[in-house]
Amino acid sequence: MKHRHGNGSGKFEIGQHDMGGWVRIVAGRTGDLPDDLPVYLSHALTNWFRQRPQLRMRCVLPINKDGDTVELHAWYDLQIFPDLAAQQGPAQQGEE
């Protein structure tokens, strides 16, 4: 991986993409990725699941490029279904 040169050039983004049943955590398209990128990806994945306590991670798969981890794909199960009654109108709540 390339080394950073200062003046804010070491910034990079991590994308989190919910694919419906699995999530993709990927570094942004930049040439200056840190050597410890897998740690940043892992933290992003942990935070993604922390914000969604109703999901349970089933498994995770690292995606490598030239021997370096550049993405994490994680499959999940839905543990608790959200209460949708608040989103329905009053007339719809009594109908079933």
C-alpha atoms as a PDB file:
ATOM      1  CA  MET A   1       0.000   0.000   0.000  1.00  0.00           C
ATOM      2  CA  LYS A   2       1.116   3.533  -0.646  1.00  0.00           C
ATOM      3  CA  HIS A   3       2.417   5.743   2.130  1.00  0.00           C
ATOM      4  CA  ARG A   4       0.862   9.062   3.068  1.00  0.00           C
ATOM      5  CA  HIS A   5       2.705  12.350   2.739  1.00  0.00           C
ATOM      6  CA  GLY A   6       0.945  14.690   5.203  1.00  0.00           C
ATOM      7  CA  ASN A   7      -1.206  17.832   4.869  1.00  0.00           C
ATOM      8  CA  GLY A   8      -4.393  15.783   5.147  1.00  0.00           C
ATOM      9  CA  SER A   9      -3.461  13.480   2.288  1.00  0.00           C
ATOM     10  CA  GLY A  10      -3.909  10.465   4.565  1.00  0.00           C
ATOM     11  CA  LYS A  11      -7.694  10.799   4.668  1.00  0.00           C
ATOM     12  CA  PHE A  12      -9.772   8.020   3.195  1.00  0.00           C
ATOM     13  CA  GLU A  13     -13.403   6.983   3.296  1.00  0.00           C
ATOM     14  CA  ILE A  14     -15.017   3.692   4.228  1.00  0.00           C
ATOM     15  CA  GLY A  15     -18.316   2.853   2.572  1.00  0.00           C
ATOM     16  CA  GLN A  16     -21.026   0.781   4.234  1.00  0.00           C
ATOM     17  CA  HIS A  17     -23.504  -0.765   1.802  1.00  0.00           C
ATOM     18  CA  ASP A  18     -26.489  -2.795   3.029  1.00  0.00           C
ATOM     19  CA  MET A  19     -27.175  -5.345   0.307  1.00  0.00           C
ATOM     20  CA  GLY A  20     -30.248  -6.877   1.968  1.00  0.00           C
ATOM     21  CA  GLY A  21     -29.109  -9.899   3.969  1.00  0.00           C
ATOM     22  CA  TRP A  22     -25.453  -8.945   3.859  1.00  0.00           C
ATOM     23  CA  VAL A  23     -23.398  -5.791   4.256  1.00  0.00           C
ATOM     24  CA  ARG A  24     -20.349  -4.679   2.292  1.00  0.00           C
ATOM     25  CA  ILE A  25     -17.685  -2.595   4.064  1.00  0.00           C
ATOM     26  CA  VAL A  26     -15.208  -1.187   1.556  1.00  0.00           C
ATOM     27  CA  ALA A  27     -12.497   1.463   1.429  1.00  0.00           C
ATOM     28  CA  GLY A  28     -13.079   4.409  -0.871  1.00  0.00           C
ATOM     29  CA  ARG A  29     -11.336   4.561  -4.218  1.00  0.00           C
ATOM     30  CA  THR A  30      -8.079   6.210  -3.278  1.00  0.00           C
ATOM     31  CA  GLY A  31      -4.450   5.272  -3.720  1.00  0.00           C
ATOM     32  CA  ASP A  32      -3.381   6.223  -0.186  1.00  0.00           C
ATOM     33  CA  LEU A  33      -4.714   3.435   2.009  1.00  0.00           C
ATOM     34  CA  PRO A  34      -3.100   2.800   5.400  1.00  0.00           C
ATOM     35  CA  ASP A  35      -1.249  -0.400   6.145  1.00  0.00           C
ATOM     36  CA  ASP A  36      -3.714  -1.120   8.961  1.00  0.00           C
ATOM     37  CA  LEU A  37      -6.792  -0.794   6.703  1.00  0.00           C
ATOM     38  CA  PRO A  38      -8.246  -4.138   7.919  1.00  0.00           C
ATOM     39  CA  VAL A  39      -8.487  -2.665  11.424  1.00  0.00           C
ATOM     40  CA  TYR A  40     -10.452   0.339  10.120  1.00  0.00           C
ATOM     41  CA  LEU A  41     -12.737  -1.976   8.129  1.00  0.00           C
ATOM     42  CA  SER A  42     -13.327  -4.102  11.211  1.00  0.00           C
ATOM     43  CA  HIS A  43     -14.207  -1.053  13.306  1.00  0.00           C
ATOM     44  CA  ALA A  44     -16.616   0.161  10.618  1.00  0.00           C
ATOM     45  CA  LEU A  45     -18.295  -3.259  10.529  1.00  0.00           C
ATOM     46  CA  THR A  46     -18.561  -3.331  14.323  1.00  0.00           C
ATOM     47  CA  ASN A  47     -20.123   0.141  14.373  1.00  0.00           C
ATOM     48  CA  TRP A  48     -22.569  -0.826  11.600  1.00  0.00           C
ATOM     49  CA  PHE A  49     -23.854  -3.754  13.673  1.00  0.00           C
ATOM     50  CA  ARG A  50     -23.821  -1.697  16.880  1.00  0.00           C
ATOM     51  CA  GLN A  51     -26.261   0.740  15.227  1.00  0.00           C
ATOM     52  CA  ARG A  52     -28.526  -2.177  14.257  1.00  0.00           C
ATOM     53  CA  PRO A  53     -28.988  -4.321  17.404  1.00  0.00           C
ATOM     54  CA  GLN A  54     -31.837  -6.289  15.775  1.00  0.00           C
ATOM     55  CA  LEU A  55     -29.310  -7.897  13.382  1.00  0.00           C
ATOM     56  CA  ARG A  56     -27.061 -10.832  14.235  1.00  0.00           C
ATOM     57  CA  MET A  57     -23.929 -11.439  12.189  1.00  0.00           C
ATOM     58  CA  ARG A  58     -23.856 -14.918  10.709  1.00  0.00           C
ATOM     59  CA  CYS A  59     -20.404 -14.847   9.079  1.00  0.00           C
ATOM     60  CA  VAL A  60     -17.841 -12.449   7.639  1.00  0.00           C
ATOM     61  CA  LEU A  61     -15.568 -12.845   4.630  1.00  0.00           C
ATOM     62  CA  PRO A  62     -12.478 -10.705   3.901  1.00  0.00           C
ATOM     63  CA  ILE A  63     -11.907  -9.686   0.284  1.00  0.00           C
ATOM     64  CA  ASN A  64      -8.243  -9.425  -0.639  1.00  0.00           C
ATOM     65  CA  LYS A  65      -6.417  -7.604  -3.414  1.00  0.00           C
ATOM     66  CA  ASP A  66      -2.709  -8.251  -3.944  1.00  0.00           C
ATOM     67  CA  GLY A  67      -2.549  -9.922  -0.523  1.00  0.00           C
ATOM     68  CA  ASP A  68      -4.172  -6.997   1.346  1.00  0.00           C
ATOM     69  CA  THR A  69      -7.680  -6.981   2.824  1.00  0.00           C
ATOM     70  CA  VAL A  70      -9.657  -4.248   1.044  1.00  0.00           C
ATOM     71  CA  GLU A  71     -13.275  -5.205   1.853  1.00  0.00           C
ATOM     72  CA  LEU A  72     -15.331  -7.101   4.399  1.00  0.00           C
ATOM     73  CA  HIS A  73     -18.601  -8.826   3.493  1.00  0.00           C
ATOM     74  CA  ALA A  74     -20.796  -9.892   6.410  1.00  0.00           C
ATOM     75  CA  TRP A  75     -24.040 -11.879   6.259  1.00  0.00           C
ATOM     76  CA  TYR A  76     -26.650 -11.353   8.946  1.00  0.00           C
ATOM     77  CA  ASP A  77     -29.940 -12.618  10.364  1.00  0.00           C
ATOM     78  CA  LEU A  78     -32.802 -10.464  11.581  1.00  0.00           C
ATOM     79  CA  GLN A  79     -33.323 -11.164  15.302  1.00  0.00           C
ATOM     80  CA  ILE A  80     -36.162  -8.801  16.245  1.00  0.00           C
ATOM     81  CA  PHE A  81     -38.715  -7.513  13.797  1.00  0.00           C
ATOM     82  CA  PRO A  82     -39.489  -3.803  14.233  1.00  0.00           C
ATOM     83  CA  ASP A  83     -42.962  -2.704  15.367  1.00  0.00           C
ATOM     84  CA  LEU A  84     -44.616  -1.280  12.247  1.00  0.00           C
ATOM     85  CA  ALA A  85     -47.869  -0.285  14.004  1.00  0.00           C
ATOM     86  CA  ALA A  86     -46.570   3.245  14.559  1.00  0.00           C
ATOM     87  CA  GLN A  87     -46.017   3.655  10.797  1.00  0.00           C
ATOM     88  CA  GLN A  88     -49.571   2.596   9.897  1.00  0.00           C
ATOM     89  CA  GLY A  89     -52.518   4.969   9.983  1.00  0.00           C
ATOM     90  CA  PRO A  90     -55.229   4.576  12.668  1.00  0.00           C
ATOM     91  CA  ALA A  91     -57.663   2.914  10.232  1.00  0.00           C
ATOM     92  CA  GLN A  92     -55.083   0.345   9.170  1.00  0.00           C
ATOM     93  CA  GLN A  93     -54.137  -0.699  12.706  1.00  0.00           C
ATOM     94  CA  GLY A  94     -57.517  -2.363  13.384  1.00  0.00           C
ATOM     95  CA  GLU A  95     -57.652  -4.184  10.026  1.00  0.00           C
ATOM     96  CA  GLU A  96     -56.116  -7.636   9.753  1.00  0.00           C
END
